[in-house]
All heavy atoms as atom14 arrays in JSON, in Angstrom:
{
  "sequence": "IDKTRFLSGVPLIRQQDLLSPDDPWEETAGRLI",
  "atom14_mask": [
    [1, 1, 1, 1, 1, 1, 1, 1, 0, 0, 0, 0, 0, 0],
    [1, 1, 1, 1, 1, 1, 1, 1, 0, 0, 0, 0, 0, 0],
    [1, 1, 1, 1, 1, 1, 1, 1, 1, 0, 0, 0, 0, 0],
    [1, 1, 1, 1, 1, 1, 1, 0, 0, 0, 0, 0, 0, 0],
    [1, 1, 1, 1, 1, 1, 1, 1, 1, 1, 1, 0, 0, 0],
    [1, 1, 1, 1, 1, 1, 1, 1, 1, 1, 1, 0, 0, 0],
    [1, 1, 1, 1, 1, 1, 1, 1, 0, 0, 0, 0, 0, 0],
    [1, 1, 1, 1, 1, 1, 0, 0, 0, 0, 0, 0, 0, 0],
    [1, 1, 1, 1, 0, 0, 0, 0, 0, 0, 0, 0, 0, 0],
    [1, 1, 1, 1, 1, 1, 1, 0, 0, 0, 0, 0, 0, 0],
    [1, 1, 1, 1, 1, 1, 1, 0, 0, 0, 0, 0, 0, 0],
    [1, 1, 1, 1, 1, 1, 1, 1, 0, 0, 0, 0, 0, 0],
    [1, 1, 1, 1, 1, 1, 1, 1, 0, 0, 0, 0, 0, 0],
    [1, 1, 1, 1, 1, 1, 1, 1, 1, 1, 1, 0, 0, 0],
    [1, 1, 1, 1, 1, 1, 1, 1, 1, 0, 0, 0, 0, 0],
    [1, 1, 1, 1, 1, 1, 1, 1, 1, 0, 0, 0, 0, 0],
    [1, 1, 1, 1, 1, 1, 1, 1, 0, 0, 0, 0, 0, 0],
    [1, 1, 1, 1, 1, 1, 1, 1, 0, 0, 0, 0, 0, 0],
    [1, 1, 1, 1, 1, 1, 1, 1, 0, 0, 0, 0, 0, 0],
    [1, 1, 1, 1, 1, 1, 0, 0, 0, 0, 0, 0, 0, 0],
    [1, 1, 1, 1, 1, 1, 1, 0, 0, 0, 0, 0, 0, 0],
    [1, 1, 1, 1, 1, 1, 1, 1, 0, 0, 0, 0, 0, 0],
    [1, 1, 1, 1, 1, 1, 1, 1, 0, 0, 0, 0, 0, 0],
    [1, 1, 1, 1, 1, 1, 1, 0, 0, 0, 0, 0, 0, 0],
    [1, 1, 1, 1, 1, 1, 1, 1, 1, 1, 1, 1, 1, 1],
    [1, 1, 1, 1, 1, 1, 1, 1, 1, 0, 0, 0, 0, 0],
    [1, 1, 1, 1, 1, 1, 1, 1, 1, 0, 0, 0, 0, 0],
    [1, 1, 1, 1, 1, 1, 1, 0, 0, 0, 0, 0, 0, 0],
    [1, 1, 1, 1, 1, 0, 0, 0, 0, 0, 0, 0, 0, 0],
    [1, 1, 1, 1, 0, 0, 0, 0, 0, 0, 0, 0, 0, 0],
    [1, 1, 1, 1, 1, 1, 1, 1, 1, 1, 1, 0, 0, 0],
    [1, 1, 1, 1, 1, 1, 1, 1, 0, 0, 0, 0, 0, 0],
    [1, 1, 1, 1, 1, 1, 1, 1, 0, 0, 0, 0, 0, 0]
  ],
  "atom14_positions": [
    [[56.67, 131.79, 37.41], [56.26, 130.43, 37.77], [55.19, 129.95, 36.8], [54.1, 130.52, 36.71], [55.73, 130.37, 39.21], [56.83, 130.79, 40.19], [55.23, 128.97, 39.54], [56.37, 130.88, 41.64], [0.0, 0.0, 0.0], [0.0, 0.0, 0.0], [0.0, 0.0, 0.0], [0.0, 0.0, 0.0], [0.0, 0.0, 0.0], [0.0, 0.0, 0.0]],
    [[55.51, 128.91, 36.06], [54.58, 128.33, 35.09], [53.77, 127.24, 35.8], [54.29, 126.16, 36.11], [55.37, 127.73, 33.92], [54.47, 127.24, 32.8], [53.39, 126.71, 33.1], [54.87, 127.37, 31.63], [0.0, 0.0, 0.0], [0.0, 0.0, 0.0], [0.0, 0.0, 0.0], [0.0, 0.0, 0.0], [0.0, 0.0, 0.0], [0.0, 0.0, 0.0]],
    [[52.51, 127.51, 36.05], [51.67, 126.58, 36.81], [51.5, 125.25, 36.08], [51.44, 124.19, 36.71], [50.31, 127.22, 37.09], [50.36, 128.39, 38.06], [48.97, 128.92, 38.35], [49.02, 130.08, 39.33], [47.66, 130.62, 39.61], [0.0, 0.0, 0.0], [0.0, 0.0, 0.0], [0.0, 0.0, 0.0], [0.0, 0.0, 0.0], [0.0, 0.0, 0.0]],
    [[51.41, 125.31, 34.76], [51.23, 124.07, 33.99], [52.45, 123.15, 34.16], [52.31, 121.94, 34.38], [51.02, 124.38, 32.5], [49.87, 125.22, 32.36], [50.82, 123.1, 31.71], [0.0, 0.0, 0.0], [0.0, 0.0, 0.0], [0.0, 0.0, 0.0], [0.0, 0.0, 0.0], [0.0, 0.0, 0.0], [0.0, 0.0, 0.0], [0.0, 0.0, 0.0]],
    [[53.64, 123.72, 34.05], [54.86, 122.93, 34.24], [54.95, 122.44, 35.68], [55.36, 121.3, 35.93], [56.09, 123.76, 33.89], [56.19, 124.15, 32.42], [57.48, 124.92, 32.16], [58.63, 124.04, 32.29], [59.86, 124.47, 32.58], [60.08, 125.75, 32.8], [60.87, 123.61, 32.66], [0.0, 0.0, 0.0], [0.0, 0.0, 0.0], [0.0, 0.0, 0.0]],
    [[54.59, 123.29, 36.63], [54.62, 122.92, 38.04], [53.7, 121.72, 38.29], [54.1, 120.75, 38.94], [54.2, 124.11, 38.9], [54.27, 123.86, 40.38], [55.46, 124.03, 41.07], [53.15, 123.45, 41.09], [55.53, 123.79, 42.44], [53.21, 123.21, 42.46], [54.4, 123.39, 43.13], [0.0, 0.0, 0.0], [0.0, 0.0, 0.0], [0.0, 0.0, 0.0]],
    [[52.5, 121.78, 37.79], [51.54, 120.69, 38.0], [51.98, 119.4, 37.32], [51.55, 118.32, 37.72], [50.15, 121.11, 37.49], [49.48, 122.24, 38.29], [48.18, 122.67, 37.61], [49.2, 121.8, 39.72], [0.0, 0.0, 0.0], [0.0, 0.0, 0.0], [0.0, 0.0, 0.0], [0.0, 0.0, 0.0], [0.0, 0.0, 0.0], [0.0, 0.0, 0.0]],
    [[52.84, 119.51, 36.33], [53.34, 118.31, 35.65], [54.6, 117.75, 36.33], [55.16, 116.77, 35.87], [53.64, 118.61, 34.18], [54.75, 119.48, 34.06], [0.0, 0.0, 0.0], [0.0, 0.0, 0.0], [0.0, 0.0, 0.0], [0.0, 0.0, 0.0], [0.0, 0.0, 0.0], [0.0, 0.0, 0.0], [0.0, 0.0, 0.0], [0.0, 0.0, 0.0]],
    [[55.03, 118.41, 37.43], [56.15, 117.88, 38.2], [57.46, 118.6, 38.03], [58.51, 118.07, 38.43], [0.0, 0.0, 0.0], [0.0, 0.0, 0.0], [0.0, 0.0, 0.0], [0.0, 0.0, 0.0], [0.0, 0.0, 0.0], [0.0, 0.0, 0.0], [0.0, 0.0, 0.0], [0.0, 0.0, 0.0], [0.0, 0.0, 0.0], [0.0, 0.0, 0.0]],
    [[57.46, 119.8, 37.47], [58.69, 120.57, 37.3], [58.83, 121.52, 38.49], [58.06, 122.47, 38.62], [58.68, 121.39, 35.98], [59.99, 122.17, 35.84], [58.47, 120.46, 34.79], [0.0, 0.0, 0.0], [0.0, 0.0, 0.0], [0.0, 0.0, 0.0], [0.0, 0.0, 0.0], [0.0, 0.0, 0.0], [0.0, 0.0, 0.0], [0.0, 0.0, 0.0]],
    [[59.82, 121.3, 39.37], [59.96, 122.15, 40.56], [60.41, 123.56, 40.18], [60.88, 123.8, 39.07], [61.02, 121.43, 41.39], [61.83, 120.66, 40.39], [60.86, 120.26, 39.32], [0.0, 0.0, 0.0], [0.0, 0.0, 0.0], [0.0, 0.0, 0.0], [0.0, 0.0, 0.0], [0.0, 0.0, 0.0], [0.0, 0.0, 0.0], [0.0, 0.0, 0.0]],
    [[60.27, 124.47, 41.11], [60.57, 125.88, 40.85], [62.02, 126.09, 40.42], [62.32, 126.95, 39.62], [60.26, 126.72, 42.09], [58.8, 126.71, 42.56], [58.61, 127.72, 43.68], [57.83, 126.99, 41.42], [0.0, 0.0, 0.0], [0.0, 0.0, 0.0], [0.0, 0.0, 0.0], [0.0, 0.0, 0.0], [0.0, 0.0, 0.0], [0.0, 0.0, 0.0]],
    [[62.94, 125.3, 40.99], [64.36, 125.5, 40.69], [64.67, 125.2, 39.23], [65.68, 125.67, 38.7], [65.23, 124.62, 41.62], [66.66, 125.17, 41.67], [65.21, 123.15, 41.2], [67.49, 124.6, 42.78], [0.0, 0.0, 0.0], [0.0, 0.0, 0.0], [0.0, 0.0, 0.0], [0.0, 0.0, 0.0], [0.0, 0.0, 0.0], [0.0, 0.0, 0.0]],
    [[63.78, 124.44, 38.55], [63.95, 124.16, 37.12], [63.25, 125.21, 36.26], [63.32, 125.15, 35.04], [63.38, 122.78, 36.79], [64.03, 121.62, 37.53], [65.5, 121.48, 37.17], [66.1, 120.34, 37.85], [67.39, 120.05, 37.83], [68.23, 120.82, 37.15], [67.87, 119.01, 38.48], [0.0, 0.0, 0.0], [0.0, 0.0, 0.0], [0.0, 0.0, 0.0]],
    [[62.6, 126.16, 36.92], [61.89, 127.21, 36.19], [62.58, 128.57, 36.31], [62.41, 129.42, 35.45], [60.45, 127.32, 36.69], [59.64, 126.05, 36.51], [58.16, 126.27, 36.74], [57.63, 127.33, 36.47], [57.49, 125.25, 37.27], [0.0, 0.0, 0.0], [0.0, 0.0, 0.0], [0.0, 0.0, 0.0], [0.0, 0.0, 0.0], [0.0, 0.0, 0.0]],
    [[63.33, 128.77, 37.38], [64.07, 130.01, 37.55], [65.22, 129.79, 38.52], [65.24, 128.82, 39.27], [63.17, 131.14, 38.04], [62.51, 130.9, 39.37], [61.66, 132.1, 39.79], [62.18, 133.15, 40.14], [60.34, 131.95, 39.7], [0.0, 0.0, 0.0], [0.0, 0.0, 0.0], [0.0, 0.0, 0.0], [0.0, 0.0, 0.0], [0.0, 0.0, 0.0]],
    [[66.19, 130.69, 38.48], [67.38, 130.57, 39.31], [67.05, 130.99, 40.74], [66.77, 132.16, 40.99], [68.5, 131.44, 38.74], [69.86, 131.09, 39.33], [69.89, 130.28, 40.28], [70.87, 131.62, 38.85], [0.0, 0.0, 0.0], [0.0, 0.0, 0.0], [0.0, 0.0, 0.0], [0.0, 0.0, 0.0], [0.0, 0.0, 0.0], [0.0, 0.0, 0.0]],
    [[67.08, 130.04, 41.66], [66.79, 130.34, 43.06], [68.04, 130.72, 43.84], [67.97, 131.05, 45.02], [66.09, 129.15, 43.73], [64.72, 128.78, 43.14], [64.13, 127.6, 43.92], [63.76, 129.96, 43.16], [0.0, 0.0, 0.0], [0.0, 0.0, 0.0], [0.0, 0.0, 0.0], [0.0, 0.0, 0.0], [0.0, 0.0, 0.0], [0.0, 0.0, 0.0]],
    [[69.2, 130.62, 43.2], [70.46, 131.07, 43.8], [71.08, 132.1, 42.86], [71.36, 131.8, 41.71], [71.42, 129.89, 44.0], [70.98, 128.81, 44.98], [72.0, 127.67, 45.0], [70.81, 129.37, 46.38], [0.0, 0.0, 0.0], [0.0, 0.0, 0.0], [0.0, 0.0, 0.0], [0.0, 0.0, 0.0], [0.0, 0.0, 0.0], [0.0, 0.0, 0.0]],
    [[71.26, 133.3, 43.37], [71.73, 134.39, 42.53], [73.18, 134.75, 42.83], [73.62, 134.66, 43.98], [70.85, 135.63, 42.76], [71.42, 136.78, 42.18], [0.0, 0.0, 0.0], [0.0, 0.0, 0.0], [0.0, 0.0, 0.0], [0.0, 0.0, 0.0], [0.0, 0.0, 0.0], [0.0, 0.0, 0.0], [0.0, 0.0, 0.0], [0.0, 0.0, 0.0]],
    [[73.94, 135.17, 41.81], [75.3, 135.65, 42.08], [75.31, 136.9, 42.95], [76.33, 137.25, 43.54], [75.85, 135.94, 40.67], [74.65, 136.08, 39.79], [73.62, 135.2, 40.37], [0.0, 0.0, 0.0], [0.0, 0.0, 0.0], [0.0, 0.0, 0.0], [0.0, 0.0, 0.0], [0.0, 0.0, 0.0], [0.0, 0.0, 0.0], [0.0, 0.0, 0.0]],
    [[74.15, 137.59, 43.02], [74.03, 138.79, 43.85], [73.75, 138.47, 45.31], [73.75, 139.38, 46.16], [72.92, 139.7, 43.31], [73.22, 140.2, 41.91], [74.42, 140.39, 41.6], [72.28, 140.39, 41.13], [0.0, 0.0, 0.0], [0.0, 0.0, 0.0], [0.0, 0.0, 0.0], [0.0, 0.0, 0.0], [0.0, 0.0, 0.0], [0.0, 0.0, 0.0]],
    [[73.47, 137.22, 45.63], [73.23, 136.85, 47.02], [74.5, 137.08, 47.84], [75.61, 136.94, 47.32], [72.81, 135.37, 47.12], [71.44, 135.11, 46.52], [70.68, 136.08, 46.37], [71.13, 133.95, 46.19], [0.0, 0.0, 0.0], [0.0, 0.0, 0.0], [0.0, 0.0, 0.0], [0.0, 0.0, 0.0], [0.0, 0.0, 0.0], [0.0, 0.0, 0.0]],
    [[74.36, 137.41, 49.12], [75.55, 137.72, 49.95], [76.29, 136.46, 50.39], [76.36, 136.12, 51.57], [74.94, 138.47, 51.14], [73.56, 137.9, 51.27], [73.1, 137.64, 49.86], [0.0, 0.0, 0.0], [0.0, 0.0, 0.0], [0.0, 0.0, 0.0], [0.0, 0.0, 0.0], [0.0, 0.0, 0.0], [0.0, 0.0, 0.0], [0.0, 0.0, 0.0]],
    [[76.9, 135.76, 49.46], [77.55, 134.49, 49.73], [78.68, 134.62, 50.75], [78.71, 133.92, 51.77], [78.1, 133.9, 48.43], [77.05, 133.42, 47.48], [76.43, 134.14, 46.5], [76.46, 132.11, 47.42], [75.52, 133.37, 45.83], [75.52, 132.12, 46.37], [76.67, 130.93, 48.13], [74.77, 130.99, 46.03], [75.93, 129.8, 47.8], [74.99, 129.84, 46.76]],
    [[79.62, 135.5, 50.48], [80.8, 135.6, 51.35], [80.46, 136.19, 52.72], [80.97, 135.73, 53.74], [81.88, 136.43, 50.65], [82.44, 135.73, 49.41], [83.34, 136.64, 48.59], [84.3, 137.16, 49.16], [83.06, 136.82, 47.4], [0.0, 0.0, 0.0], [0.0, 0.0, 0.0], [0.0, 0.0, 0.0], [0.0, 0.0, 0.0], [0.0, 0.0, 0.0]],
    [[79.58, 137.19, 52.73], [79.18, 137.79, 54.0], [78.46, 136.76, 54.88], [78.72, 136.66, 56.08], [78.26, 138.98, 53.72], [77.67, 139.63, 54.97], [76.62, 140.66, 54.63], [76.58, 141.14, 53.47], [75.82, 140.99, 55.52], [0.0, 0.0, 0.0], [0.0, 0.0, 0.0], [0.0, 0.0, 0.0], [0.0, 0.0, 0.0], [0.0, 0.0, 0.0]],
    [[77.56, 136.0, 54.28], [76.81, 134.98, 55.03], [77.74, 133.86, 55.49], [77.63, 133.36, 56.61], [75.66, 134.43, 54.17], [74.89, 135.52, 53.66], [74.75, 133.53, 55.0], [0.0, 0.0, 0.0], [0.0, 0.0, 0.0], [0.0, 0.0, 0.0], [0.0, 0.0, 0.0], [0.0, 0.0, 0.0], [0.0, 0.0, 0.0], [0.0, 0.0, 0.0]],
    [[78.67, 133.46, 54.62], [79.65, 132.44, 55.0], [80.48, 132.91, 56.19], [80.78, 132.13, 57.1], [80.56, 132.12, 53.82], [0.0, 0.0, 0.0], [0.0, 0.0, 0.0], [0.0, 0.0, 0.0], [0.0, 0.0, 0.0], [0.0, 0.0, 0.0], [0.0, 0.0, 0.0], [0.0, 0.0, 0.0], [0.0, 0.0, 0.0], [0.0, 0.0, 0.0]],
    [[80.81, 134.2, 56.21], [81.59, 134.76, 57.31], [80.89, 134.64, 58.65], [81.55, 134.53, 59.69], [0.0, 0.0, 0.0], [0.0, 0.0, 0.0], [0.0, 0.0, 0.0], [0.0, 0.0, 0.0], [0.0, 0.0, 0.0], [0.0, 0.0, 0.0], [0.0, 0.0, 0.0], [0.0, 0.0, 0.0], [0.0, 0.0, 0.0], [0.0, 0.0, 0.0]],
    [[79.57, 134.64, 58.62], [78.82, 134.47, 59.87], [78.6, 133.0, 60.24], [78.48, 132.66, 61.42], [77.48, 135.2, 59.77], [77.6, 136.71, 59.87], [76.27, 137.41, 59.89], [75.37, 136.91, 60.94], [74.15, 137.4, 61.15], [73.71, 138.4, 60.4], [73.38, 136.9, 62.11], [0.0, 0.0, 0.0], [0.0, 0.0, 0.0], [0.0, 0.0, 0.0]],
    [[78.56, 132.15, 59.23], [78.35, 130.72, 59.5], [79.63, 130.04, 60.0], [79.56, 129.11, 60.81], [77.87, 130.01, 58.23], [76.38, 130.04, 57.89], [76.15, 129.31, 56.59], [75.54, 129.43, 59.01], [0.0, 0.0, 0.0], [0.0, 0.0, 0.0], [0.0, 0.0, 0.0], [0.0, 0.0, 0.0], [0.0, 0.0, 0.0], [0.0, 0.0, 0.0]],
    [[80.78, 130.47, 59.5], [82.03, 129.78, 59.79], [82.34, 129.68, 61.29], [82.74, 128.61, 61.77], [83.2, 130.42, 59.0], [83.1, 129.99, 57.53], [84.56, 130.02, 59.58], [84.12, 130.66, 56.61], [0.0, 0.0, 0.0], [0.0, 0.0, 0.0], [0.0, 0.0, 0.0], [0.0, 0.0, 0.0], [0.0, 0.0, 0.0], [0.0, 0.0, 0.0]]
  ]
}
């Protein structure tokens, strides 16, 4: 997290990937459906 960029209005999602391909997408979808 770059504090200088953050203070200038750059949100975290523009600084790093907050959604990973390793996240349990299908398993979690199976519980939501």
